[in-house]
Amino acid sequence: MSENIITAHNDGTDNFELAGTLWKIQVPGSETGNQFSLVEAIAPPGMGSPVHRHPRADQAIYVLEGRLDIVTDSKTFSFAKGETGLIRRGTPHREVNSSHSETRFTTIHSPGFFSDFLRLAGTYVKTGAKVPPSSTLTLAEARKIVEIGLEFDTEILTPLDELVGQRK
């Protein structure tokens, strides 16, 4: 195989749970010189990220199945299957599956530090395994995720005391 072609393998080495969502790293930033990363997410009903922003990265989202809401400080944008959204760098937001069924979407971050954030902040999930029900975060776990986020362009804006007690 050519070094100029990158293939995503579904061998499970790049599956992580974070915030109750399964994240599958398809193309890590390390393979693109951190120009971008491509990640697939599978979010159960009701799952959502904390409020965060990516100070240096633009984020594109494409919905594969279901519906995904992008919530900003003043508005909610809903995306259905086949729809794409762009979140400009620095925009505080959260992704929420407010539907009654699973939502699958891809997210591209440019630059591609998000895949490193997932590897370090998430919990490894073996291929084929169901994402375990999320437990509540401890203060130490919440602090760790916030610190990793700062290093890898994911600034979590939800206060620590609100993160504690939320699902991982």
N, C-alpha and C. Protein backbone atom coordinates (compact mmCIF):
# COMPACT_ATOMS: atom_id res chain seq x y z
N MET A 1 0.83 -1.17 0.00
CA MET A 1 0.00 0.00 0.00
C MET A 1 0.88 1.25 0.00
N SER A 2 0.44 2.24 -0.68
CA SER A 2 1.17 3.49 -0.78
C SER A 2 1.12 4.26 0.53
N GLU A 3 2.20 4.95 0.85
CA GLU A 3 2.21 5.81 2.04
C GLU A 3 1.34 7.04 1.83
N ASN A 4 0.91 7.27 0.59
CA ASN A 4 0.09 8.43 0.29
C ASN A 4 -1.41 8.18 0.45
N ILE A 5 -1.77 6.95 0.75
CA ILE A 5 -3.17 6.60 0.98
C ILE A 5 -3.32 6.15 2.43
N ILE A 6 -4.27 6.74 3.13
CA ILE A 6 -4.53 6.39 4.52
C ILE A 6 -5.87 5.67 4.54
N THR A 7 -5.92 4.51 5.15
CA THR A 7 -7.19 3.80 5.27
C THR A 7 -7.60 3.72 6.73
N ALA A 8 -8.88 3.89 6.96
CA ALA A 8 -9.42 3.75 8.31
C ALA A 8 -9.70 2.28 8.53
N HIS A 9 -9.20 1.75 9.61
CA HIS A 9 -9.43 0.35 9.95
C HIS A 9 -10.43 0.27 11.08
N ASN A 10 -11.32 -0.67 10.98
CA ASN A 10 -12.31 -0.86 12.04
C ASN A 10 -11.86 -1.96 12.98
N ASP A 11 -10.58 -1.93 13.36
CA ASP A 11 -10.05 -2.96 14.25
C ASP A 11 -10.23 -2.60 15.72
N GLY A 12 -10.82 -1.45 15.98
CA GLY A 12 -11.13 -1.08 17.36
C GLY A 12 -10.03 -0.39 18.13
N THR A 13 -8.89 -0.18 17.50
CA THR A 13 -7.81 0.45 18.24
C THR A 13 -8.07 1.92 18.51
N ASP A 14 -9.01 2.48 17.80
CA ASP A 14 -9.26 3.91 17.92
C ASP A 14 -10.70 4.24 18.33
N ASN A 15 -11.30 3.42 19.19
CA ASN A 15 -12.66 3.66 19.68
C ASN A 15 -12.59 4.10 21.13
N PHE A 16 -13.26 5.22 21.43
CA PHE A 16 -13.22 5.76 22.78
C PHE A 16 -14.61 6.27 23.18
N GLU A 17 -14.91 6.12 24.46
CA GLU A 17 -16.15 6.68 25.02
C GLU A 17 -15.79 7.96 25.74
N LEU A 18 -16.57 8.99 25.48
CA LEU A 18 -16.44 10.25 26.19
C LEU A 18 -17.79 10.94 26.17
N ALA A 19 -18.24 11.40 27.32
CA ALA A 19 -19.53 12.09 27.45
C ALA A 19 -20.69 11.19 27.01
N GLY A 20 -20.55 9.87 27.22
CA GLY A 20 -21.62 8.94 26.89
C GLY A 20 -21.74 8.62 25.41
N THR A 21 -20.79 9.11 24.62
CA THR A 21 -20.80 8.92 23.17
C THR A 21 -19.61 8.06 22.77
N LEU A 22 -19.82 7.20 21.76
CA LEU A 22 -18.73 6.41 21.20
C LEU A 22 -18.08 7.23 20.09
N TRP A 23 -16.77 7.42 20.18
CA TRP A 23 -16.01 8.18 19.20
C TRP A 23 -15.06 7.23 18.48
N LYS A 24 -15.15 7.16 17.15
CA LYS A 24 -14.28 6.29 16.35
C LYS A 24 -13.36 7.18 15.52
N ILE A 25 -12.08 7.16 15.85
CA ILE A 25 -11.13 7.98 15.12
C ILE A 25 -10.86 7.30 13.78
N GLN A 26 -11.31 7.92 12.70
CA GLN A 26 -11.14 7.37 11.35
C GLN A 26 -9.81 7.81 10.74
N VAL A 27 -9.51 9.09 10.84
CA VAL A 27 -8.22 9.62 10.37
C VAL A 27 -7.69 10.54 11.47
N PRO A 28 -6.67 10.08 12.20
CA PRO A 28 -6.14 10.91 13.28
C PRO A 28 -5.33 12.09 12.73
N GLY A 29 -5.27 13.14 13.52
CA GLY A 29 -4.48 14.31 13.12
C GLY A 29 -3.03 13.96 12.87
N SER A 30 -2.52 12.96 13.57
CA SER A 30 -1.11 12.56 13.40
C SER A 30 -0.82 12.07 11.98
N GLU A 31 -1.84 11.60 11.26
CA GLU A 31 -1.66 11.12 9.89
C GLU A 31 -1.71 12.24 8.86
N THR A 32 -2.14 13.43 9.28
CA THR A 32 -2.29 14.54 8.33
C THR A 32 -1.41 15.73 8.69
N GLY A 33 -0.41 15.50 9.54
CA GLY A 33 0.40 16.62 10.01
C GLY A 33 -0.45 17.60 10.80
N ASN A 34 -1.50 17.07 11.42
CA ASN A 34 -2.49 17.84 12.18
C ASN A 34 -3.21 18.89 11.34
N GLN A 35 -3.26 18.67 10.02
CA GLN A 35 -4.07 19.55 9.18
C GLN A 35 -5.55 19.37 9.49
N PHE A 36 -5.95 18.10 9.75
CA PHE A 36 -7.33 17.82 10.14
C PHE A 36 -7.39 16.44 10.78
N SER A 37 -8.49 16.16 11.46
CA SER A 37 -8.80 14.81 11.93
C SER A 37 -10.25 14.54 11.56
N LEU A 38 -10.55 13.26 11.31
CA LEU A 38 -11.91 12.83 10.96
C LEU A 38 -12.34 11.79 11.98
N VAL A 39 -13.46 12.05 12.64
CA VAL A 39 -13.94 11.17 13.71
C VAL A 39 -15.43 10.92 13.49
N GLU A 40 -15.84 9.65 13.68
CA GLU A 40 -17.25 9.30 13.66
C GLU A 40 -17.74 9.20 15.10
N ALA A 41 -18.94 9.70 15.35
CA ALA A 41 -19.52 9.65 16.69
C ALA A 41 -20.87 8.95 16.64
N ILE A 42 -21.14 8.15 17.68
CA ILE A 42 -22.44 7.51 17.83
C ILE A 42 -22.97 7.91 19.20
N ALA A 43 -24.01 8.75 19.18
CA ALA A 43 -24.55 9.31 20.42
C ALA A 43 -25.93 8.72 20.72
N PRO A 44 -26.08 8.10 21.88
CA PRO A 44 -27.40 7.61 22.28
C PRO A 44 -28.36 8.78 22.52
N PRO A 45 -29.65 8.50 22.57
CA PRO A 45 -30.62 9.57 22.85
C PRO A 45 -30.28 10.28 24.16
N GLY A 46 -30.39 11.59 24.14
CA GLY A 46 -30.17 12.39 25.34
C GLY A 46 -28.73 12.74 25.63
N MET A 47 -27.78 12.15 24.91
CA MET A 47 -26.37 12.42 25.19
C MET A 47 -25.96 13.77 24.59
N GLY A 48 -25.07 14.43 25.29
CA GLY A 48 -24.57 15.70 24.81
C GLY A 48 -23.24 16.05 25.45
N SER A 49 -22.50 16.86 24.78
CA SER A 49 -21.20 17.29 25.29
C SER A 49 -21.40 18.46 26.24
N PRO A 50 -20.40 18.73 27.09
CA PRO A 50 -20.46 19.97 27.86
C PRO A 50 -20.22 21.15 26.92
N VAL A 51 -20.52 22.33 27.39
CA VAL A 51 -20.23 23.52 26.59
C VAL A 51 -18.72 23.63 26.45
N HIS A 52 -18.27 23.83 25.22
CA HIS A 52 -16.84 23.91 24.96
C HIS A 52 -16.61 24.74 23.70
N ARG A 53 -15.34 25.00 23.41
CA ARG A 53 -14.98 25.67 22.16
C ARG A 53 -13.61 25.16 21.74
N HIS A 54 -13.32 25.35 20.48
CA HIS A 54 -12.03 24.98 19.91
C HIS A 54 -11.37 26.29 19.46
N PRO A 55 -10.49 26.86 20.29
CA PRO A 55 -9.92 28.18 19.98
C PRO A 55 -9.16 28.25 18.66
N ARG A 56 -8.53 27.13 18.26
CA ARG A 56 -7.71 27.16 17.03
C ARG A 56 -8.28 26.34 15.89
N ALA A 57 -9.41 25.66 16.09
CA ALA A 57 -9.90 24.74 15.07
C ALA A 57 -11.32 25.06 14.63
N ASP A 58 -11.56 24.94 13.33
CA ASP A 58 -12.91 24.93 12.79
C ASP A 58 -13.40 23.49 12.86
N GLN A 59 -14.71 23.32 13.02
CA GLN A 59 -15.28 21.98 13.16
C GLN A 59 -16.45 21.85 12.19
N ALA A 60 -16.37 20.86 11.30
CA ALA A 60 -17.48 20.55 10.41
C ALA A 60 -18.14 19.28 10.90
N ILE A 61 -19.46 19.26 10.85
CA ILE A 61 -20.25 18.09 11.28
C ILE A 61 -21.16 17.68 10.14
N TYR A 62 -21.19 16.36 9.87
CA TYR A 62 -22.08 15.80 8.87
C TYR A 62 -22.88 14.68 9.53
N VAL A 63 -24.20 14.78 9.50
CA VAL A 63 -25.06 13.80 10.16
C VAL A 63 -25.31 12.62 9.23
N LEU A 64 -24.93 11.43 9.70
CA LEU A 64 -25.10 10.18 8.94
C LEU A 64 -26.47 9.54 9.21
N GLU A 65 -26.91 9.58 10.46
CA GLU A 65 -28.20 9.01 10.88
C GLU A 65 -28.73 9.83 12.04
N GLY A 66 -30.03 10.01 12.08
CA GLY A 66 -30.65 10.68 13.22
C GLY A 66 -30.65 12.18 13.09
N ARG A 67 -30.64 12.82 14.25
CA ARG A 67 -30.66 14.28 14.31
C ARG A 67 -29.72 14.76 15.40
N LEU A 68 -29.03 15.85 15.13
CA LEU A 68 -28.08 16.41 16.08
C LEU A 68 -28.35 17.89 16.22
N ASP A 69 -28.40 18.35 17.47
CA ASP A 69 -28.55 19.78 17.74
C ASP A 69 -27.20 20.36 18.13
N ILE A 70 -26.88 21.51 17.58
CA ILE A 70 -25.72 22.29 17.99
C ILE A 70 -26.28 23.48 18.74
N VAL A 71 -25.94 23.56 20.02
CA VAL A 71 -26.50 24.60 20.89
C VAL A 71 -25.40 25.62 21.16
N THR A 72 -25.69 26.88 20.85
CA THR A 72 -24.78 27.98 21.18
C THR A 72 -25.42 28.77 22.32
N ASP A 73 -24.80 29.86 22.70
CA ASP A 73 -25.34 30.63 23.82
C ASP A 73 -26.69 31.27 23.50
N SER A 74 -27.00 31.46 22.22
CA SER A 74 -28.24 32.16 21.90
C SER A 74 -29.18 31.40 20.98
N LYS A 75 -28.75 30.24 20.45
CA LYS A 75 -29.59 29.57 19.46
C LYS A 75 -29.28 28.09 19.37
N THR A 76 -30.27 27.31 18.96
CA THR A 76 -30.09 25.88 18.70
C THR A 76 -30.26 25.65 17.21
N PHE A 77 -29.28 24.95 16.62
CA PHE A 77 -29.32 24.60 15.20
C PHE A 77 -29.51 23.10 15.11
N SER A 78 -30.55 22.64 14.40
CA SER A 78 -30.82 21.21 14.27
C SER A 78 -30.39 20.73 12.90
N PHE A 79 -29.69 19.58 12.89
CA PHE A 79 -29.21 18.98 11.66
C PHE A 79 -29.75 17.56 11.57
N ALA A 80 -30.32 17.21 10.41
CA ALA A 80 -30.86 15.88 10.17
C ALA A 80 -29.92 15.11 9.24
N LYS A 81 -30.23 13.85 9.02
CA LYS A 81 -29.43 13.00 8.14
C LYS A 81 -29.15 13.71 6.83
N GLY A 82 -27.86 13.71 6.45
CA GLY A 82 -27.44 14.32 5.19
C GLY A 82 -27.13 15.80 5.27
N GLU A 83 -27.28 16.39 6.44
CA GLU A 83 -27.01 17.82 6.58
C GLU A 83 -25.66 18.06 7.24
N THR A 84 -25.07 19.20 6.90
CA THR A 84 -23.73 19.57 7.36
C THR A 84 -23.79 20.91 8.06
N GLY A 85 -22.97 21.04 9.09
CA GLY A 85 -22.83 22.31 9.78
C GLY A 85 -21.36 22.64 9.98
N LEU A 86 -21.04 23.91 10.05
CA LEU A 86 -19.68 24.36 10.32
C LEU A 86 -19.70 25.22 11.58
N ILE A 87 -18.87 24.86 12.53
CA ILE A 87 -18.72 25.63 13.75
C ILE A 87 -17.37 26.33 13.67
N ARG A 88 -17.39 27.62 13.57
CA ARG A 88 -16.14 28.37 13.43
C ARG A 88 -15.35 28.36 14.72
N ARG A 89 -14.02 28.37 14.58
CA ARG A 89 -13.13 28.34 15.74
C ARG A 89 -13.53 29.41 16.75
N GLY A 90 -13.43 29.03 18.02
CA GLY A 90 -13.71 29.95 19.11
C GLY A 90 -15.18 30.05 19.50
N THR A 91 -16.08 29.39 18.78
CA THR A 91 -17.51 29.49 19.07
C THR A 91 -17.89 28.55 20.21
N PRO A 92 -18.38 29.07 21.34
CA PRO A 92 -18.86 28.18 22.41
C PRO A 92 -20.09 27.41 21.91
N HIS A 93 -20.09 26.10 22.14
CA HIS A 93 -21.19 25.27 21.66
C HIS A 93 -21.22 23.95 22.41
N ARG A 94 -22.27 23.20 22.17
CA ARG A 94 -22.36 21.81 22.61
C ARG A 94 -23.17 21.05 21.59
N GLU A 95 -22.83 19.77 21.42
CA GLU A 95 -23.59 18.89 20.54
C GLU A 95 -24.52 18.07 21.40
N VAL A 96 -25.78 17.94 20.99
CA VAL A 96 -26.77 17.21 21.77
C VAL A 96 -27.63 16.35 20.85
N ASN A 97 -27.80 15.09 21.22
CA ASN A 97 -28.76 14.24 20.55
C ASN A 97 -30.05 14.34 21.36
N SER A 98 -30.96 15.20 20.92
CA SER A 98 -32.20 15.41 21.66
C SER A 98 -33.33 14.54 21.10
N SER A 99 -32.99 13.62 20.20
CA SER A 99 -34.01 12.75 19.62
C SER A 99 -34.21 11.51 20.50
N HIS A 100 -35.10 10.64 20.05
CA HIS A 100 -35.40 9.40 20.78
C HIS A 100 -34.67 8.20 20.20
N SER A 101 -33.74 8.45 19.28
CA SER A 101 -32.97 7.35 18.69
C SER A 101 -31.50 7.75 18.59
N GLU A 102 -30.69 6.75 18.30
CA GLU A 102 -29.24 6.97 18.17
C GLU A 102 -28.95 7.94 17.02
N THR A 103 -27.93 8.76 17.19
CA THR A 103 -27.47 9.67 16.14
C THR A 103 -26.02 9.34 15.81
N ARG A 104 -25.73 9.22 14.51
CA ARG A 104 -24.36 9.02 14.03
C ARG A 104 -23.97 10.23 13.21
N PHE A 105 -22.77 10.74 13.48
CA PHE A 105 -22.28 11.88 12.70
C PHE A 105 -20.77 11.81 12.60
N THR A 106 -20.25 12.49 11.60
CA THR A 106 -18.80 12.63 11.49
C THR A 106 -18.47 14.07 11.83
N THR A 107 -17.27 14.23 12.37
CA THR A 107 -16.80 15.56 12.69
C THR A 107 -15.36 15.69 12.19
N ILE A 108 -15.10 16.77 11.52
CA ILE A 108 -13.76 17.08 11.03
C ILE A 108 -13.29 18.33 11.76
N HIS A 109 -12.14 18.23 12.39
CA HIS A 109 -11.52 19.38 13.06
C HIS A 109 -10.28 19.76 12.28
N SER A 110 -10.14 21.05 12.02
CA SER A 110 -8.95 21.53 11.33
C SER A 110 -8.45 22.78 12.05
N PRO A 111 -7.24 22.68 12.64
CA PRO A 111 -6.29 21.58 12.70
C PRO A 111 -6.86 20.38 13.48
N GLY A 112 -6.12 19.26 13.41
CA GLY A 112 -6.64 17.98 13.82
C GLY A 112 -6.28 17.49 15.21
N PHE A 113 -6.23 18.36 16.20
CA PHE A 113 -5.85 17.96 17.55
C PHE A 113 -6.92 17.17 18.29
N PHE A 114 -8.17 17.20 17.79
CA PHE A 114 -9.28 16.57 18.51
C PHE A 114 -9.08 15.07 18.70
N SER A 115 -8.47 14.40 17.73
CA SER A 115 -8.25 12.96 17.87
C SER A 115 -7.32 12.66 19.06
N ASP A 116 -6.32 13.50 19.28
CA ASP A 116 -5.44 13.32 20.44
C ASP A 116 -6.20 13.55 21.74
N PHE A 117 -7.07 14.55 21.75
CA PHE A 117 -7.90 14.81 22.93
C PHE A 117 -8.73 13.57 23.28
N LEU A 118 -9.36 12.95 22.27
CA LEU A 118 -10.19 11.77 22.52
C LEU A 118 -9.37 10.62 23.08
N ARG A 119 -8.19 10.39 22.51
CA ARG A 119 -7.33 9.29 22.98
C ARG A 119 -6.96 9.44 24.46
N LEU A 120 -6.69 10.68 24.87
CA LEU A 120 -6.22 10.91 26.23
C LEU A 120 -7.35 11.13 27.24
N ALA A 121 -8.46 11.73 26.81
CA ALA A 121 -9.56 12.03 27.73
C ALA A 121 -10.62 10.94 27.76
N GLY A 122 -10.71 10.16 26.68
CA GLY A 122 -11.74 9.14 26.58
C GLY A 122 -11.32 7.82 27.21
N THR A 123 -12.26 6.91 27.24
CA THR A 123 -12.04 5.56 27.75
C THR A 123 -12.10 4.60 26.57
N TYR A 124 -11.07 3.77 26.41
CA TYR A 124 -10.99 2.82 25.31
C TYR A 124 -12.21 1.89 25.32
N VAL A 125 -12.77 1.64 24.12
CA VAL A 125 -13.89 0.72 23.96
C VAL A 125 -13.53 -0.28 22.87
N LYS A 126 -13.60 -1.57 23.19
CA LYS A 126 -13.29 -2.63 22.23
C LYS A 126 -14.34 -2.66 21.11
N THR A 127 -13.91 -2.94 19.88
CA THR A 127 -14.82 -3.03 18.75
C THR A 127 -15.94 -4.03 19.05
N GLY A 128 -17.15 -3.64 18.71
CA GLY A 128 -18.29 -4.50 18.90
C GLY A 128 -18.92 -4.41 20.28
N ALA A 129 -18.19 -3.83 21.22
CA ALA A 129 -18.72 -3.70 22.57
C ALA A 129 -19.67 -2.50 22.62
N LYS A 130 -20.71 -2.65 23.39
CA LYS A 130 -21.62 -1.52 23.62
C LYS A 130 -20.93 -0.53 24.54
N VAL A 131 -21.19 0.73 24.31
CA VAL A 131 -20.66 1.75 25.22
C VAL A 131 -21.37 1.54 26.56
N PRO A 132 -20.60 1.35 27.62
CA PRO A 132 -21.24 1.12 28.92
C PRO A 132 -22.01 2.35 29.36
N PRO A 133 -23.05 2.14 30.16
CA PRO A 133 -23.76 3.31 30.67
C PRO A 133 -22.76 4.22 31.40
N SER A 134 -22.89 5.49 31.13
CA SER A 134 -21.95 6.44 31.72
C SER A 134 -22.16 6.56 33.21
N SER A 135 -21.03 6.63 33.91
CA SER A 135 -21.09 6.88 35.34
C SER A 135 -20.80 8.36 35.55
N THR A 136 -20.98 8.81 36.77
CA THR A 136 -20.72 10.22 37.04
C THR A 136 -19.22 10.46 37.14
N LEU A 137 -18.83 11.66 36.79
CA LEU A 137 -17.43 12.05 36.87
C LEU A 137 -17.07 12.41 38.31
N THR A 138 -15.87 12.05 38.71
CA THR A 138 -15.34 12.55 39.96
C THR A 138 -14.69 13.90 39.67
N LEU A 139 -14.40 14.65 40.71
CA LEU A 139 -13.73 15.94 40.53
C LEU A 139 -12.37 15.74 39.85
N ALA A 140 -11.63 14.71 40.25
CA ALA A 140 -10.32 14.44 39.64
C ALA A 140 -10.46 14.11 38.16
N GLU A 141 -11.47 13.31 37.78
CA GLU A 141 -11.68 12.97 36.37
C GLU A 141 -12.07 14.20 35.57
N ALA A 142 -12.93 15.03 36.12
CA ALA A 142 -13.35 16.25 35.43
C ALA A 142 -12.16 17.18 35.22
N ARG A 143 -11.33 17.35 36.25
CA ARG A 143 -10.14 18.19 36.13
C ARG A 143 -9.21 17.67 35.04
N LYS A 144 -9.01 16.35 35.01
CA LYS A 144 -8.13 15.73 34.02
C LYS A 144 -8.63 16.01 32.60
N ILE A 145 -9.92 15.84 32.38
CA ILE A 145 -10.49 16.09 31.04
C ILE A 145 -10.32 17.55 30.65
N VAL A 146 -10.57 18.47 31.59
CA VAL A 146 -10.40 19.90 31.31
C VAL A 146 -8.94 20.21 30.97
N GLU A 147 -8.00 19.65 31.73
CA GLU A 147 -6.58 19.90 31.48
C GLU A 147 -6.14 19.33 30.13
N ILE A 148 -6.56 18.13 29.81
CA ILE A 148 -6.23 17.53 28.51
C ILE A 148 -6.82 18.39 27.39
N GLY A 149 -8.04 18.85 27.59
CA GLY A 149 -8.69 19.70 26.59
C GLY A 149 -7.89 20.96 26.29
N LEU A 150 -7.37 21.59 27.34
CA LEU A 150 -6.59 22.81 27.13
C LEU A 150 -5.35 22.54 26.29
N GLU A 151 -4.77 21.36 26.47
CA GLU A 151 -3.57 21.01 25.70
C GLU A 151 -3.90 20.69 24.24
N PHE A 152 -5.13 20.18 23.99
CA PHE A 152 -5.47 19.72 22.64
C PHE A 152 -6.67 20.45 22.06
N ASP A 153 -6.72 21.76 22.26
CA ASP A 153 -7.65 22.67 21.57
C ASP A 153 -9.12 22.38 21.83
N THR A 154 -9.45 21.87 23.00
CA THR A 154 -10.84 21.69 23.39
C THR A 154 -11.01 22.32 24.77
N GLU A 155 -11.42 23.57 24.77
CA GLU A 155 -11.57 24.32 26.02
C GLU A 155 -12.98 24.10 26.57
N ILE A 156 -13.07 23.37 27.65
CA ILE A 156 -14.37 23.07 28.26
C ILE A 156 -14.79 24.25 29.12
N LEU A 157 -15.96 24.79 28.80
CA LEU A 157 -16.44 26.00 29.45
C LEU A 157 -17.44 25.71 30.57
N THR A 158 -18.01 24.52 30.58
CA THR A 158 -18.91 24.14 31.67
C THR A 158 -18.09 24.12 32.96
N PRO A 159 -18.54 24.79 34.02
CA PRO A 159 -17.78 24.80 35.28
C PRO A 159 -17.57 23.40 35.84
N LEU A 160 -16.44 23.21 36.50
CA LEU A 160 -16.09 21.90 37.06
C LEU A 160 -17.18 21.34 37.96
N ASP A 161 -17.76 22.18 38.82
CA ASP A 161 -18.77 21.67 39.74
C ASP A 161 -20.01 21.16 39.01
N GLU A 162 -20.27 21.68 37.79
CA GLU A 162 -21.38 21.17 36.99
C GLU A 162 -20.99 19.88 36.26
N LEU A 163 -19.71 19.74 35.92
CA LEU A 163 -19.24 18.51 35.27
C LEU A 163 -19.29 17.32 36.22
N VAL A 164 -18.96 17.58 37.48
CA VAL A 164 -18.99 16.51 38.48
C VAL A 164 -20.45 16.11 38.68
N GLY A 165 -20.69 14.85 38.58
CA GLY A 165 -22.06 14.37 38.70
C GLY A 165 -22.72 14.17 37.34
N GLN A 166 -22.11 14.75 36.27
CA GLN A 166 -22.61 14.49 34.93
C GLN A 166 -22.03 13.19 34.44
N ARG A 167 -22.60 12.69 33.37
CA ARG A 167 -22.08 11.46 32.77
C ARG A 167 -20.73 11.70 32.15
N LYS A 168 -19.92 10.66 32.11
CA LYS A 168 -18.59 10.75 31.47
C LYS A 168 -18.76 10.98 30.00
